[in-house]
Amino acid sequence: MAARLARLASFVTGRRSRWFVIGAWLVLFAASLPLSSKLADATKEQYGRPDGSQSKEVGQILADHFPGGDTTEAVLVYRNPTGLSQADQAMIVEDADAARSVPLVGGVVPPFGTGSGPGQVSQDGQVAFTVVSFAQGTVSKTNSGLEDLRNLAGDPSSDTSAHLTGTIPLLNDLTNIIKEADAKLLLATGLLVLLLLLLIYRSPILAFVPLIVVFLSYTIATGLLDLLVKIGLPVSSNATSLLLVLMFGVGTDYCLLFVSRYRHALHEHEDSSAALAEALPEAGPAIIASGLTVIAALLALLASSLSLNRAFAPANAIGIAIVLLACLTLLPAVLSVLGRRAFWPRTRAVAYSPGGVDEKEGVWARVGRRVLARPVLALVVAGALLGVASLGLLTYKTEADVLAQFRASTDGTRGVDALRSAFPPGELAPITLLLQRQDGSLTAEDVTAVRERAVGIDGVAGVSDLQRRSDDGQSGTMSMVFDGEPYSNDALARVQEARRELASVSPGLRVIIGGGAADRLDYREAAKDDFKVVAPIALAVIFLTLVLLLRAIVAPLYLLATVLLSFAATMGASLVFFRVVLDKHSVDPELPLVAFIFLVALGSDYNIFLMSRVREEAVGRSTKEGALRALAATGSVITSAGIVLAGTFSVLTVVPFYFLLELGIIVAFGILIDTFLVRTIVVPGLVALVGERSWWPFRSPAEERLPELEEPAPAS
């Protein structure tokens, strides 16, 4: 690899070829810029129906065999504290008629007039709702359809308020919250990274270079994703928001690692291009291994049964691949053009010093000496801290409640409040009962039997008559409403009971359940199962990467153990923080898996950066001495990288969406634990204890010879 990277370095820093490299990236940037701005509207949301679940099967049958296809019920809620007048009722009927022409809308059932449904007007006459069957589409089409429904609902000058709510409108509200926050995220992330780089480098030019490299990469990645979405690649709004944070954090880390090697090489080479030619082969293997580890860990999500995970994985993997390539080509090309001017006004700090630079022992060298002198004590103290933090996992509780994710009021949440004031909360998200007669047409007796069995289930507030019938007449749908909160764990337990009770109503009749709480139940169970499948795959990929990079098996094993302990401590401490500070006693079922992928992949980055340097420094020396030299050499750059990465993820706390806020806190805290505790104390302590056996079954680097300096040729 070193030889290939040396050839790459020669090309990207050549006097003419470097301009070709810069020009090629600028052309890609210019071509991607108009496409990048369109990605948010081209994404299609994935609403969490896992493969093999009843909710997914219900949706598929509706799409294939029912007029209007797979739809979800939205609810137009009207409320007047003094009672809905005749004029209000006429307006509601007019709105229902207008709703039928809105794109993606199927059936419409108003509370008044022809075709009205029972139980859609409150007893006091103050609240009424229209049921609208709404199909899924792209973010752009869904936004347009829902906006049309909201625009036609109600007269702002009257005392009657009107809101659009239901599962699809609420999830769409979350999507819009994320979308509207993207510009803020980009600005906040860019400013934070710039500030941190200015503090690290104290050079305005050098601070802007990584930022420009990453911004160009992000624009190209989002432009490419817009093209790929158009040909069928699934990408969600969550994926694009996390892509921004991930690319800026990881890309800046790679730039920091490369520039650190470059600064050191500038002392040994008068020509900056020669210094770059040395730095790239030295820093490249660790950067490439890190990038491939993150990409592989992300792609492990493709094994998930949830489509939202599969929509998340490829977009972020593509982004990491592009920023990795930019750090290996565009960054050295730009630095080659700038030369030592990039470090202005501190160019003396990178002056050519053929005799070497005398450096004082830094803080990380002093920390390393203390840890390596008493590794058992260091490991006991660090292990105790991590162990205590891990106890927070005892408070772990999940809840697949859509409403629990909102940090700000929206039209959808206001509609929920209006609906709750007069109806059972379950009216917000009715359960769909799909009846299938396997030996003929569905009969009235089948519908009656199902209805009688369903109303006897604890917590059921009501069951409708047959609402829709399939093209062949063998299947039909009914709605069931719970009297409690529609997305709570109690509601999910009632879905499980309903599935048991309705599994065998009569011979030849099959009843499967989807929609509302059934969708959330299947989502919760799939998220738990996905963790058991995806996490081992991600760990196996990271382990193999470490084995190939370090040419060892023992060291990768204990490095992987440190990552797992760090994850447990991070999750435990974060759960306690959520409970005490945010008053959040449960988390989304998907959060642990996404946090695990980020923490394990990104935490392994710092192990890769440190241990690859340990192997390099241990050549011709002992592994223990190599660890000390590596910690001293990488301490400042890894610390800087950790602070930058933690800072970028902390920006997610500005998004008024609890899932992203919690993810940002977990990853930022976990990165800081990896940076200041695991990489500084735990890993060096393990290296000191295990010593040369770390490299088993391969040869220890201590047995390799240091490269001999060439002796000057004798004078002729």
Foldseek 3Di string as FASTA:
>chain_A
DLVVLLVLLCQCLPPPNVVVLQVVLVVLLVVLQVLLVCLLQLAFDFLQQFPPALQVVVQVCQQPWFVLGRWFKKKKKKFFPVAQDPVNLVLQVVLQVVLCPQPQWDDKAFCDDPRHDPPQAFPVRGMGMMIITGHGDTLNSLVRRLVVSLVSRDDPVDRMDIFMAFDSVLVNVQSVLLVVCLVVLLVQLLVVQLVLLCVQQVFNLLSVLLSVLLVSLLSSLSSVVSVVSVVPQHAGSVLNSVLSLVSSQLLVLLLLQLVLQLLQLLQADVQSSVSSSVSRSVSVVLLVLLLVLLLQLLCLLCPFRTVNSSNNRPSNNSSSVSSSVSSSRVSSSVCSVCPLVSSPPVSVSSHHNNVDDDDDQDPLLVLLVVCLVPLVVLQVVLLVLLVVLLVLCVLADAFLDSVVFFLDDDSHVVSLVSCVVGAQSQVSKWKKKKKFQQPAADDQVNQVLLQVQVVPQPQWPHKAGWDTATPRRGMTIITIGGRHNQRGPVNLVSLVVSCVSQCPSDPRMGIGMHITNSSSNSSLVSLVVSCVSSVVSSLVSLQVSCCVLLVANQLSVVLLVLLVSLLSSLVSNLCVCCCPPVVDSYHHSNLSNVLSSLSSSVLVSLVSQQSSQLQVQLAQHWSLVSNSVSSSSCLSSLLSSLQSSLSSLCSLCVRSTNSSNSSSSSNSVSSVCSNPRCSSNVSSSVCSVCIQNRRPPDGRSSPHHDDDDDDDDDDD
